[in-house]
PDB file of N, CA and C in Angstrom:
ATOM      1  N   MET A   1     -30.609  48.842  25.330  1.00  0.00           N
ATOM      2  CA  MET A   1     -31.932  48.326  25.585  1.00  0.00           C
ATOM      3  C   MET A   1     -32.567  49.001  26.797  1.00  0.00           C
ATOM      4  N   SER A   2     -31.755  49.309  27.776  1.00  0.00           N
ATOM      5  CA  SER A   2     -32.286  49.998  28.952  1.00  0.00           C
ATOM      6  C   SER A   2     -32.799  51.385  28.585  1.00  0.00           C
ATOM      7  N   HIS A   3     -32.086  52.058  27.697  1.00  0.00           N
ATOM      8  CA  HIS A   3     -32.508  53.378  27.221  1.00  0.00           C
ATOM      9  C   HIS A   3     -33.880  53.274  26.556  1.00  0.00           C
ATOM     10  N   LEU A   4     -34.040  52.284  25.688  1.00  0.00           N
ATOM     11  CA  LEU A   4     -35.315  52.095  24.996  1.00  0.00           C
ATOM     12  C   LEU A   4     -36.428  51.794  26.000  1.00  0.00           C
ATOM     13  N   TYR A   5     -36.121  50.931  26.955  1.00  0.00           N
ATOM     14  CA  TYR A   5     -37.082  50.600  28.004  1.00  0.00           C
ATOM     15  C   TYR A   5     -37.541  51.863  28.745  1.00  0.00           C
ATOM     16  N   GLU A   6     -36.598  52.698  29.137  1.00  0.00           N
ATOM     17  CA  GLU A   6     -36.940  53.901  29.907  1.00  0.00           C
ATOM     18  C   GLU A   6     -37.823  54.855  29.099  1.00  0.00           C
ATOM     19  N   TRP A   7     -37.524  55.005  27.808  1.00  0.00           N
ATOM     20  CA  TRP A   7     -38.343  55.886  26.977  1.00  0.00           C
ATOM     21  C   TRP A   7     -39.731  55.293  26.759  1.00  0.00           C
ATOM     22  N   GLN A   8     -39.838  53.992  26.692  1.00  0.00           N
ATOM     23  CA  GLN A   8     -41.157  53.376  26.573  1.00  0.00           C
ATOM     24  C   GLN A   8     -41.931  53.526  27.880  1.00  0.00           C
ATOM     25  N   GLN A   9     -41.234  53.472  29.007  1.00  0.00           N
ATOM     26  CA  GLN A   9     -41.880  53.728  30.294  1.00  0.00           C
ATOM     27  C   GLN A   9     -42.440  55.153  30.337  1.00  0.00           C
ATOM     28  N   LEU A  10     -41.660  56.100  29.812  1.00  0.00           N
ATOM     29  CA  LEU A  10     -42.149  57.482  29.749  1.00  0.00           C
ATOM     30  C   LEU A  10     -43.462  57.544  28.976  1.00  0.00           C
ATOM     31  N   LEU A  11     -43.489  56.891  27.822  1.00  0.00           N
ATOM     32  CA  LEU A  11     -44.683  56.898  26.983  1.00  0.00           C
ATOM     33  C   LEU A  11     -45.866  56.268  27.704  1.00  0.00           C
ATOM     34  N   LEU A  12     -45.655  55.092  28.270  1.00  0.00           N
ATOM     35  CA  LEU A  12     -46.740  54.393  28.966  1.00  0.00           C
ATOM     36  C   LEU A  12     -47.297  55.229  30.117  1.00  0.00           C
ATOM     37  N   ASP A  13     -46.418  55.765  30.935  1.00  0.00           N
ATOM     38  CA  ASP A  13     -46.855  56.578  32.077  1.00  0.00           C
ATOM     39  C   ASP A  13     -47.592  57.826  31.614  1.00  0.00           C
ATOM     40  N   TRP A  14     -47.063  58.465  30.586  1.00  0.00           N
ATOM     41  CA  TRP A  14     -47.650  59.701  30.069  1.00  0.00           C
ATOM     42  C   TRP A  14     -49.057  59.460  29.538  1.00  0.00           C
ATOM     43  N   VAL A  15     -49.218  58.471  28.692  1.00  0.00           N
ATOM     44  CA  VAL A  15     -50.532  58.196  28.105  1.00  0.00           C
ATOM     45  C   VAL A  15     -51.519  57.764  29.183  1.00  0.00           C
ATOM     46  N   GLU A  16     -51.129  56.815  30.017  1.00  0.00           N
ATOM     47  CA  GLU A  16     -52.063  56.299  31.019  1.00  0.00           C
ATOM     48  C   GLU A  16     -52.478  57.364  32.027  1.00  0.00           C
ATOM     49  N   THR A  17     -51.540  58.200  32.449  1.00  0.00           N
ATOM     50  CA  THR A  17     -51.858  59.248  33.423  1.00  0.00           C
ATOM     51  C   THR A  17     -52.779  60.300  32.819  1.00  0.00           C
ATOM     52  N   ASN A  18     -52.468  60.731  31.604  1.00  0.00           N
ATOM     53  CA  ASN A  18     -53.316  61.735  30.955  1.00  0.00           C
ATOM     54  C   ASN A  18     -54.688  61.178  30.595  1.00  0.00           C
ATOM     55  N   GLN A  19     -54.739  59.933  30.173  1.00  0.00           N
ATOM     56  CA  GLN A  19     -56.030  59.304  29.855  1.00  0.00           C
ATOM     57  C   GLN A  19     -56.897  59.188  31.110  1.00  0.00           C
ATOM     58  N   ALA A  20     -56.268  59.069  32.261  1.00  0.00           N
ATOM     59  CA  ALA A  20     -57.001  58.978  33.530  1.00  0.00           C
ATOM     60  C   ALA A  20     -57.443  60.361  34.026  1.00  0.00           C
ATOM     61  N   GLY A  21     -57.061  61.412  33.304  1.00  0.00           N
ATOM     62  CA  GLY A  21     -57.497  62.756  33.650  1.00  0.00           C
ATOM     63  C   GLY A  21     -56.533  63.575  34.473  1.00  0.00           C
ATOM     64  N   THR A  22     -55.338  63.039  34.707  1.00  0.00           N
ATOM     65  CA  THR A  22     -54.332  63.791  35.451  1.00  0.00           C
ATOM     66  C   THR A  22     -53.297  64.326  34.472  1.00  0.00           C
ATOM     67  N   PRO A  23     -53.222  65.640  34.311  1.00  0.00           N
ATOM     68  CA  PRO A  23     -52.247  66.201  33.369  1.00  0.00           C
ATOM     69  C   PRO A  23     -50.816  65.868  33.779  1.00  0.00           C
ATOM     70  N   LYS A  24     -50.028  65.422  32.822  1.00  0.00           N
ATOM     71  CA  LYS A  24     -48.631  65.070  33.074  1.00  0.00           C
ATOM     72  C   LYS A  24     -47.843  65.310  31.796  1.00  0.00           C
ATOM     73  N   PRO A  25     -46.691  65.962  31.896  1.00  0.00           N
ATOM     74  CA  PRO A  25     -45.854  66.134  30.700  1.00  0.00           C
ATOM     75  C   PRO A  25     -45.190  64.810  30.329  1.00  0.00           C
ATOM     76  N   PHE A  26     -44.727  64.716  29.098  1.00  0.00           N
ATOM     77  CA  PHE A  26     -44.098  63.483  28.626  1.00  0.00           C
ATOM     78  C   PHE A  26     -42.788  63.199  29.354  1.00  0.00           C
ATOM     79  N   LEU A  27     -41.939  64.191  29.432  1.00  0.00           N
ATOM     80  CA  LEU A  27     -40.628  64.004  30.050  1.00  0.00           C
ATOM     81  C   LEU A  27     -40.731  63.992  31.572  1.00  0.00           C
ATOM     82  N   LYS A  28     -39.735  63.379  32.197  1.00  0.00           N
ATOM     83  CA  LYS A  28     -39.691  63.348  33.658  1.00  0.00           C
ATOM     84  C   LYS A  28     -39.660  64.767  34.212  1.00  0.00           C
ATOM     85  N   GLU A  29     -40.184  64.902  35.417  1.00  0.00           N
ATOM     86  CA  GLU A  29     -40.182  66.200  36.090  1.00  0.00           C
ATOM     87  C   GLU A  29     -38.750  66.730  36.192  1.00  0.00           C
ATOM     88  N   GLY A  30     -38.611  68.006  35.886  1.00  0.00           N
ATOM     89  CA  GLY A  30     -37.306  68.647  35.951  1.00  0.00           C
ATOM     90  C   GLY A  30     -36.580  68.699  34.617  1.00  0.00           C
ATOM     91  N   TYR A  31     -37.154  68.067  33.606  1.00  0.00           N
ATOM     92  CA  TYR A  31     -36.514  68.049  32.284  1.00  0.00           C
ATOM     93  C   TYR A  31     -37.451  68.649  31.248  1.00  0.00           C
ATOM     94  N   ASN A  32     -36.857  69.170  30.180  1.00  0.00           N
ATOM     95  CA  ASN A  32     -37.620  69.655  29.039  1.00  0.00           C
ATOM     96  C   ASN A  32     -36.888  69.207  27.775  1.00  0.00           C
ATOM     97  N   TRP A  33     -37.394  69.605  26.619  1.00  0.00           N
ATOM     98  CA  TRP A  33     -36.812  69.125  25.359  1.00  0.00           C
ATOM     99  C   TRP A  33     -35.429  69.709  25.096  1.00  0.00           C
ATOM    100  N   LYS A  34     -35.032  70.715  25.850  1.00  0.00           N
ATOM    101  CA  LYS A  34     -33.672  71.244  25.730  1.00  0.00           C
ATOM    102  C   LYS A  34     -32.703  70.532  26.676  1.00  0.00           C
ATOM    103  N   THR A  35     -33.233  69.917  27.741  1.00  0.00           N
ATOM    104  CA  THR A  35     -32.370  69.313  28.758  1.00  0.00           C
ATOM    105  C   THR A  35     -32.536  67.792  28.868  1.00  0.00           C
ATOM    106  N   TYR A  36     -33.257  67.179  27.940  1.00  0.00           N
ATOM    107  CA  TYR A  36     -33.524  65.749  28.072  1.00  0.00           C
ATOM    108  C   TYR A  36     -32.264  64.895  27.947  1.00  0.00           C
ATOM    109  N   GLY A  37     -31.188  65.454  27.416  1.00  0.00           N
ATOM    110  CA  GLY A  37     -29.927  64.715  27.352  1.00  0.00           C
ATOM    111  C   GLY A  37     -29.452  64.321  28.750  1.00  0.00           C
ATOM    112  N   ALA A  38     -29.660  65.211  29.703  1.00  0.00           N
ATOM    113  CA  ALA A  38     -29.295  64.907  31.093  1.00  0.00           C
ATOM    114  C   ALA A  38     -30.179  63.795  31.652  1.00  0.00           C
ATOM    115  N   MET A  39     -31.405  63.730  31.193  1.00  0.00           N
ATOM    116  CA  MET A  39     -32.294  62.647  31.606  1.00  0.00           C
ATOM    117  C   MET A  39     -31.778  61.310  31.070  1.00  0.00           C
ATOM    118  N   ASN A  40     -31.281  61.322  29.842  1.00  0.00           N
ATOM    119  CA  ASN A  40     -30.691  60.106  29.273  1.00  0.00           C
ATOM    120  C   ASN A  40     -29.479  59.644  30.085  1.00  0.00           C
ATOM    121  N   VAL A  41     -28.694  60.594  30.555  1.00  0.00           N
ATOM    122  CA  VAL A  41     -27.551  60.250  31.413  1.00  0.00           C
ATOM    123  C   VAL A  41     -28.060  59.624  32.704  1.00  0.00           C
ATOM    124  N   GLU A  42     -29.120  60.176  33.249  1.00  0.00           N
ATOM    125  CA  GLU A  42     -29.723  59.601  34.461  1.00  0.00           C
ATOM    126  C   GLU A  42     -30.155  58.150  34.213  1.00  0.00           C
ATOM    127  N   PHE A  43     -30.766  57.896  33.058  1.00  0.00           N
ATOM    128  CA  PHE A  43     -31.160  56.526  32.711  1.00  0.00           C
ATOM    129  C   PHE A  43     -29.938  55.621  32.620  1.00  0.00           C
ATOM    130  N   TRP A  44     -28.891  56.123  31.975  1.00  0.00           N
ATOM    131  CA  TRP A  44     -27.653  55.351  31.814  1.00  0.00           C
ATOM    132  C   TRP A  44     -27.071  54.989  33.183  1.00  0.00           C
ATOM    133  N   GLU A  45     -27.023  55.984  34.064  1.00  0.00           N
ATOM    134  CA  GLU A  45     -26.489  55.736  35.408  1.00  0.00           C
ATOM    135  C   GLU A  45     -27.341  54.726  36.164  1.00  0.00           C
ATOM    136  N   LYS A  46     -28.629  54.826  36.043  1.00  0.00           N
ATOM    137  CA  LYS A  46     -29.562  53.934  36.725  1.00  0.00           C
ATOM    138  C   LYS A  46     -29.336  52.472  36.330  1.00  0.00           C
ATOM    139  N   HIS A  47     -28.934  52.250  35.094  1.00  0.00           N
ATOM    140  CA  HIS A  47     -28.855  50.888  34.568  1.00  0.00           C
ATOM    141  C   HIS A  47     -27.429  50.342  34.447  1.00  0.00           C
ATOM    142  N   GLN A  48     -26.502  50.919  35.142  1.00  0.00           N
ATOM    143  CA  GLN A  48     -25.121  50.438  35.063  1.00  0.00           C
ATOM    144  C   GLN A  48     -24.969  49.004  35.570  1.00  0.00           C
ATOM    145  N   THR A  49     -25.834  48.562  36.432  1.00  0.00           N
ATOM    146  CA  THR A  49     -25.746  47.186  36.934  1.00  0.00           C
ATOM    147  C   THR A  49     -26.836  46.284  36.353  1.00  0.00           C
ATOM    148  N   THR A  50     -27.593  46.800  35.387  1.00  0.00           N
ATOM    149  CA  THR A  50     -28.624  45.988  34.742  1.00  0.00           C
ATOM    150  C   THR A  50     -27.951  45.042  33.760  1.00  0.00           C
ATOM    151  N   SER A  51     -28.199  43.760  33.915  1.00  0.00           N
ATOM    152  CA  SER A  51     -27.593  42.770  33.019  1.00  0.00           C
ATOM    153  C   SER A  51     -28.252  42.823  31.643  1.00  0.00           C
ATOM    154  N   TYR A  52     -27.572  42.261  30.674  1.00  0.00           N
ATOM    155  CA  TYR A  52     -28.125  42.178  29.312  1.00  0.00           C
ATOM    156  C   TYR A  52     -29.467  41.463  29.341  1.00  0.00           C
ATOM    157  N   ASP A  53     -29.520  40.301  30.011  1.00  0.00           N
ATOM    158  CA  ASP A  53     -30.753  39.516  30.050  1.00  0.00           C
ATOM    159  C   ASP A  53     -31.896  40.290  30.703  1.00  0.00           C
ATOM    160  N   GLU A  54     -31.585  40.994  31.779  1.00  0.00           N
ATOM    161  CA  GLU A  54     -32.610  41.793  32.449  1.00  0.00           C
ATOM    162  C   GLU A  54     -33.073  42.947  31.559  1.00  0.00           C
ATOM    163  N   ALA A  55     -32.130  43.619  30.906  1.00  0.00           N
ATOM    164  CA  ALA A  55     -32.477  44.723  30.011  1.00  0.00           C
ATOM    165  C   ALA A  55     -33.352  44.236  28.863  1.00  0.00           C
ATOM    166  N   LEU A  56     -33.015  43.083  28.324  1.00  0.00           N
ATOM    167  CA  LEU A  56     -33.807  42.510  27.237  1.00  0.00           C
ATOM    168  C   LEU A  56     -35.218  42.201  27.717  1.00  0.00           C
ATOM    169  N   LYS A  57     -35.336  41.624  28.888  1.00  0.00           N
ATOM    170  CA  LYS A  57     -36.647  41.285  29.442  1.00  0.00           C
ATOM    171  C   LYS A  57     -37.471  42.546  29.702  1.00  0.00           C
ATOM    172  N   LEU A  58     -36.831  43.587  30.254  1.00  0.00           N
ATOM    173  CA  LEU A  58     -37.527  44.848  30.491  1.00  0.00           C
ATOM    174  C   LEU A  58     -38.049  45.442  29.185  1.00  0.00           C
ATOM    175  N   LEU A  59     -37.196  45.441  28.170  1.00  0.00           N
ATOM    176  CA  LEU A  59     -37.594  46.005  26.875  1.00  0.00           C
ATOM    177  C   LEU A  59     -38.709  45.183  26.237  1.00  0.00           C
ATOM    178  N   GLN A  60     -38.617  43.887  26.305  1.00  0.00           N
ATOM    179  CA  GLN A  60     -39.675  43.048  25.737  1.00  0.00           C
ATOM    180  C   GLN A  60     -41.015  43.327  26.421  1.00  0.00           C
ATOM    181  N   THR A  61     -40.970  43.508  27.731  1.00  0.00           N
ATOM    182  CA  THR A  61     -42.191  43.780  28.488  1.00  0.00           C
ATOM    183  C   THR A  61     -42.803  45.111  28.090  1.00  0.00           C
ATOM    184  N   THR A  62     -41.992  46.163  28.047  1.00  0.00           N
ATOM    185  CA  THR A  62     -42.552  47.471  27.693  1.00  0.00           C
ATOM    186  C   THR A  62     -42.969  47.506  26.230  1.00  0.00           C
ATOM    187  N   HIS A  63     -42.234  46.816  25.364  1.00  0.00           N
ATOM    188  CA  HIS A  63     -42.626  46.785  23.947  1.00  0.00           C
ATOM    189  C   HIS A  63     -44.038  46.201  23.816  1.00  0.00           C
ATOM    190  N   GLU A  64     -44.282  45.099  24.486  1.00  0.00           N
ATOM    191  CA  GLU A  64     -45.617  44.487  24.425  1.00  0.00           C
ATOM    192  C   GLU A  64     -46.679  45.430  24.978  1.00  0.00           C
ATOM    193  N   LYS A  65     -46.376  46.091  26.080  1.00  0.00           N
ATOM    194  CA  LYS A  65     -47.330  47.031  26.679  1.00  0.00           C
ATOM    195  C   LYS A  65     -47.606  48.204  25.740  1.00  0.00           C
ATOM    196  N   VAL A  66     -46.559  48.721  25.094  1.00  0.00           N
ATOM    197  CA  VAL A  66     -46.734  49.843  24.162  1.00  0.00           C
ATOM    198  C   VAL A  66     -47.587  49.410  22.975  1.00  0.00           C
ATOM    199  N   MET A  67     -47.329  48.220  22.444  1.00  0.00           N
ATOM    200  CA  MET A  67     -48.115  47.728  21.314  1.00  0.00           C
ATOM    201  C   MET A  67     -49.581  47.531  21.716  1.00  0.00           C
ATOM    202  N   ASP A  68     -49.811  46.973  22.889  1.00  0.00           N
ATOM    203  CA  ASP A  68     -51.181  46.792  23.381  1.00  0.00           C
ATOM    204  C   ASP A  68     -51.878  48.133  23.563  1.00  0.00           C
ATOM    205  N   LEU A  69     -51.164  49.102  24.120  1.00  0.00           N
ATOM    206  CA  LEU A  69     -51.746  50.425  24.335  1.00  0.00           C
ATOM    207  C   LEU A  69     -52.062  51.099  23.004  1.00  0.00           C
ATOM    208  N   ALA A  70     -51.171  51.011  22.054  1.00  0.00           N
ATOM    209  CA  ALA A  70     -51.405  51.633  20.743  1.00  0.00           C
ATOM    210  C   ALA A  70     -52.662  51.072  20.080  1.00  0.00           C
ATOM    211  N   GLN A  71     -52.906  49.793  20.269  1.00  0.00           N
ATOM    212  CA  GLN A  71     -54.074  49.158  19.644  1.00  0.00           C
ATOM    213  C   GLN A  71     -55.396  49.634  20.246  1.00  0.00           C
ATOM    214  N   GLN A  72     -55.338  50.307  21.377  1.00  0.00           N
ATOM    215  CA  GLN A  72     -56.551  50.826  22.000  1.00  0.00           C
ATOM    216  C   GLN A  72     -57.045  52.102  21.336  1.00  0.00           C
ATOM    217  N   PHE A  73     -56.225  52.658  20.434  1.00  0.00           N
ATOM    218  CA  PHE A  73     -56.574  53.902  19.755  1.00  0.00           C
ATOM    219  C   PHE A  73     -56.835  53.639  18.276  1.00  0.00           C
ATOM    220  N   SER A  74     -57.726  54.420  17.717  1.00  0.00           N
ATOM    221  CA  SER A  74     -57.981  54.346  16.275  1.00  0.00           C
ATOM    222  C   SER A  74     -56.854  55.059  15.528  1.00  0.00           C
ATOM    223  N   ASN A  75     -56.767  54.830  14.229  1.00  0.00           N
ATOM    224  CA  ASN A  75     -55.778  55.544  13.414  1.00  0.00           C
ATOM    225  C   ASN A  75     -56.000  57.050  13.494  1.00  0.00           C
ATOM    226  N   GLU A  76     -57.271  57.462  13.519  1.00  0.00           N
ATOM    227  CA  GLU A  76     -57.569  58.901  13.626  1.00  0.00           C
ATOM    228  C   GLU A  76     -57.066  59.451  14.953  1.00  0.00           C
ATOM    229  N   GLU A  77     -57.286  58.728  16.040  1.00  0.00           N
ATOM    230  CA  GLU A  77     -56.812  59.183  17.348  1.00  0.00           C
ATOM    231  C   GLU A  77     -55.284  59.234  17.393  1.00  0.00           C
ATOM    232  N   LEU A  78     -54.641  58.305  16.726  1.00  0.00           N
ATOM    233  CA  LEU A  78     -53.181  58.269  16.738  1.00  0.00           C
ATOM    234  C   LEU A  78     -52.548  59.323  15.839  1.00  0.00           C
ATOM    235  N   PHE A  79     -53.146  59.574  14.681  1.00  0.00           N
ATOM    236  CA  PHE A  79     -52.443  60.363  13.679  1.00  0.00           C
ATOM    237  C   PHE A  79     -53.131  61.653  13.242  1.00  0.00           C
ATOM    238  N   SER A  80     -54.120  62.103  14.011  1.00  0.00           N
ATOM    239  CA  SER A  80     -54.742  63.403  13.751  1.00  0.00           C
ATOM    240  C   SER A  80     -54.345  64.363  14.871  1.00  0.00           C
ATOM    241  N   LYS A  81     -53.978  65.553  14.477  1.00  0.00           N
ATOM    242  CA  LYS A  81     -53.620  66.567  15.474  1.00  0.00           C
ATOM    243  C   LYS A  81     -54.871  67.069  16.184  1.00  0.00           C
ATOM    244  N   GLY A  82     -54.701  67.430  17.446  1.00  0.00           N
ATOM    245  CA  GLY A  82     -55.774  68.041  18.206  1.00  0.00           C
ATOM    246  C   GLY A  82     -56.761  67.071  18.845  1.00  0.00           C
ATOM    247  N   VAL A  83     -56.554  65.783  18.678  1.00  0.00           N
ATOM    248  CA  VAL A  83     -57.476  64.805  19.265  1.00  0.00           C
ATOM    249  C   VAL A  83     -57.374  64.819  20.790  1.00  0.00           C
ATOM    250  N   PHE A  84     -56.163  64.884  21.291  1.00  0.00           N
ATOM    251  CA  PHE A  84     -55.922  64.904  22.733  1.00  0.00           C
ATOM    252  C   PHE A  84     -55.184  66.194  23.070  1.00  0.00           C
ATOM    253  N   SER A  85     -55.781  67.014  23.911  1.00  0.00           N
ATOM    254  CA  SER A  85     -55.177  68.312  24.225  1.00  0.00           C
ATOM    255  C   SER A  85     -53.801  68.152  24.867  1.00  0.00           C
ATOM    256  N   TRP A  86     -53.586  67.090  25.620  1.00  0.00           N
ATOM    257  CA  TRP A  86     -52.329  66.875  26.336  1.00  0.00           C
ATOM    258  C   TRP A  86     -51.175  66.485  25.426  1.00  0.00           C
ATOM    259  N   VAL A  87     -51.448  66.217  24.162  1.00  0.00           N
ATOM    260  CA  VAL A  87     -50.387  65.871  23.211  1.00  0.00           C
ATOM    261  C   VAL A  87     -49.716  67.130  22.665  1.00  0.00           C
ATOM    262  N   GLY A  88     -50.404  68.240  22.710  1.00  0.00           N
ATOM    263  CA  GLY A  88     -49.846  69.479  22.171  1.00  0.00           C
ATOM    264  C   GLY A  88     -50.039  69.543  20.674  1.00  0.00           C
ATOM    265  N   GLY A  89     -49.076  70.104  19.952  1.00  0.00           N
ATOM    266  CA  GLY A  89     -49.203  70.317  18.519  1.00  0.00           C
ATOM    267  C   GLY A  89     -48.831  69.126  17.661  1.00  0.00           C
ATOM    268  N   SER A  90     -48.505  68.030  18.268  1.00  0.00           N
ATOM    269  CA  SER A  90     -48.111  66.839  17.522  1.00  0.00           C
ATOM    270  C   SER A  90     -49.275  65.850  17.496  1.00  0.00           C
ATOM    271  N   THR A  91     -48.977  64.603  17.167  1.00  0.00           N
ATOM    272  CA  THR A  91     -49.987  63.551  17.215  1.00  0.00           C
ATOM    273  C   THR A  91     -49.556  62.504  18.229  1.00  0.00           C
ATOM    274  N   LEU A  92     -50.515  61.825  18.792  1.00  0.00           N
ATOM    275  CA  LEU A  92     -50.207  60.762  19.743  1.00  0.00           C
ATOM    276  C   LEU A  92     -49.367  59.676  19.073  1.00  0.00           C
ATOM    277  N   GLY A  93     -49.707  59.355  17.839  1.00  0.00           N
ATOM    278  CA  GLY A  93     -48.976  58.323  17.108  1.00  0.00           C
ATOM    279  C   GLY A  93     -47.507  58.642  16.927  1.00  0.00           C
ATOM    280  N   SER A  94     -47.183  59.919  16.788  1.00  0.00           N
ATOM    281  CA  SER A  94     -45.773  60.285  16.616  1.00  0.00           C
ATOM    282  C   SER A  94     -44.959  59.915  17.855  1.00  0.00           C
ATOM    283  N   TYR A  95     -45.580  59.977  19.017  1.00  0.00           N
ATOM    284  CA  TYR A  95     -44.888  59.570  20.243  1.00  0.00           C
ATOM    285  C   TYR A  95     -44.688  58.056  20.275  1.00  0.00           C
ATOM    286  N   PHE A  96     -45.682  57.304  19.807  1.00  0.00           N
ATOM    287  CA  PHE A  96     -45.541  55.857  19.743  1.00  0.00           C
ATOM    288  C   PHE A  96     -44.443  55.471  18.758  1.00  0.00           C
ATOM    289  N   VAL A  97     -44.408  56.116  17.604  1.00  0.00           N
ATOM    290  CA  VAL A  97     -43.371  55.842  16.611  1.00  0.00           C
ATOM    291  C   VAL A  97     -42.000  56.185  17.179  1.00  0.00           C
ATOM    292  N   SER A  98     -41.906  57.321  17.842  1.00  0.00           N
ATOM    293  CA  SER A  98     -40.632  57.752  18.420  1.00  0.00           C
ATOM    294  C   SER A  98     -40.127  56.771  19.469  1.00  0.00           C
ATOM    295  N   ALA A  99     -41.024  56.237  20.283  1.00  0.00           N
ATOM    296  CA  ALA A  99     -40.625  55.331  21.360  1.00  0.00           C
ATOM    297  C   ALA A  99     -40.403  53.898  20.885  1.00  0.00           C
ATOM    298  N   THR A 100     -40.747  53.627  19.631  1.00  0.00           N
ATOM    299  CA  THR A 100     -40.573  52.257  19.124  1.00  0.00           C
ATOM    300  C   THR A 100     -39.685  52.273  17.882  1.00  0.00           C
ATOM    301  N   SER A 101     -40.270  52.259  16.719  1.00  0.00           N
ATOM    302  CA  SER A 101     -39.497  52.038  15.490  1.00  0.00           C
ATOM    303  C   SER A 101     -38.386  53.064  15.269  1.00  0.00           C
ATOM    304  N   SER A 102     -38.651  54.329  15.489  1.00  0.00           N
ATOM    305  CA  SER A 102     -37.600  55.336  15.298  1.00  0.00           C
ATOM    306  C   SER A 102     -36.468  55.151  16.302  1.00  0.00           C
ATOM    307  N   HIS A 103     -36.832  54.852  17.530  1.00  0.00           N
ATOM    308  CA  HIS A 103     -35.824  54.643  18.558  1.00  0.00           C
ATOM    309  C   HIS A 103     -35.065  53.336  18.318  1.00  0.00           C
ATOM    310  N   TYR A 104     -35.755  52.322  17.805  1.00  0.00           N
ATOM    311  CA  TYR A 104     -35.095  51.056  17.493  1.00  0.00           C
ATOM    312  C   TYR A 104     -34.067  51.253  16.385  1.00  0.00           C
ATOM    313  N   GLU A 105     -34.422  52.056  15.393  1.00  0.00           N
ATOM    314  CA  GLU A 105     -33.479  52.339  14.308  1.00  0.00           C
ATOM    315  C   GLU A 105     -32.265  53.091  14.851  1.00  0.00           C
ATOM    316  N   TRP A 106     -32.499  54.075  15.707  1.00  0.00           N
ATOM    317  CA  TRP A 106     -31.410  54.831  16.325  1.00  0.00           C
ATOM    318  C   TRP A 106     -30.480  53.884  17.072  1.00  0.00           C
ATOM    319  N   ALA A 107     -31.059  53.001  17.897  1.00  0.00           N
ATOM    320  CA  ALA A 107     -30.251  52.064  18.689  1.00  0.00           C
ATOM    321  C   ALA A 107     -29.484  51.102  17.794  1.00  0.00           C
ATOM    322  N   SER A 108     -30.118  50.632  16.750  1.00  0.00           N
ATOM    323  CA  SER A 108     -29.461  49.721  15.811  1.00  0.00           C
ATOM    324  C   SER A 108     -28.247  50.387  15.169  1.00  0.00           C
ATOM    325  N   ASN A 109     -28.404  51.634  14.786  1.00  0.00           N
ATOM    326  CA  ASN A 109     -27.281  52.370  14.195  1.00  0.00           C
ATOM    327  C   ASN A 109     -26.159  52.578  15.209  1.00  0.00           C
ATOM    328  N   LYS A 110     -26.510  52.855  16.453  1.00  0.00           N
ATOM    329  CA  LYS A 110     -25.483  52.996  17.504  1.00  0.00           C
ATOM    330  C   LYS A 110     -24.714  51.690  17.686  1.00  0.00           C
ATOM    331  N   ILE A 111     -25.435  50.578  17.699  1.00  0.00           N
ATOM    332  CA  ILE A 111     -24.786  49.262  17.873  1.00  0.00           C
ATOM    333  C   ILE A 111     -23.878  48.951  16.690  1.00  0.00           C
ATOM    334  N   LYS A 112     -24.350  49.229  15.490  1.00  0.00           N
ATOM    335  CA  LYS A 112     -23.529  48.995  14.283  1.00  0.00           C
ATOM    336  C   LYS A 112     -22.257  49.831  14.329  1.00  0.00           C
ATOM    337  N   LYS A 113     -22.399  51.081  14.711  1.00  0.00           N
ATOM    338  CA  LYS A 113     -21.230  51.971  14.801  1.00  0.00           C
ATOM    339  C   LYS A 113     -20.253  51.451  15.841  1.00  0.00           C
ATOM    340  N   PHE A 114     -20.755  51.015  16.974  1.00  0.00           N
ATOM    341  CA  PHE A 114     -19.881  50.468  18.015  1.00  0.00           C
ATOM    342  C   PHE A 114     -19.175  49.206  17.518  1.00  0.00           C
ATOM    343  N   ASN A 115     -19.918  48.330  16.887  1.00  0.00           N
ATOM    344  CA  ASN A 115     -19.316  47.085  16.376  1.00  0.00           C
ATOM    345  C   ASN A 115     -18.207  47.350  15.362  1.00  0.00           C
ATOM    346  N   LYS A 116     -18.371  48.369  14.533  1.00  0.00           N
ATOM    347  CA  LYS A 116     -17.334  48.714  13.553  1.00  0.00           C
ATOM    348  C   LYS A 116     -16.083  49.238  14.246  1.00  0.00           C
ATOM    349  N   SER A 117     -16.263  49.822  15.411  1.00  0.00           N
ATOM    350  CA  SER A 117     -15.110  50.384  16.122  1.00  0.00           C
ATOM    351  C   SER A 117     -14.278  49.316  16.822  1.00  0.00           C
ATOM    352  N   LEU A 118     -14.810  48.099  16.930  1.00  0.00           N
ATOM    353  CA  LEU A 118     -14.092  47.032  17.616  1.00  0.00           C
ATOM    354  C   LEU A 118     -12.974  46.454  16.773  1.00  0.00           C
TER     355      LEU A 118
END
């Protein structure tokens, strides 16, 4: 849950900063799409003392914020390429999907795999 929270924070910060006119890449400074695995390790280390209840609360908060933010955009703004120059060659909506439903499915599969190993 902490991992999901951190990726949703990335999305929220990225969209809000770029919408305010300050260019900012999606990933944290110092990381790129080839090295983001190390960023995930950083997130993991950061949350070693985060309790389940706290992680759940953090995720619930960012989930609500992401859903509220997504509703501020039209379907065309979310799913048409080239609407926002700071998105690059993808669509804004693909980032929202990645930070929510796709990531939730990934996490669910990880949990199922772990549970089977017990």
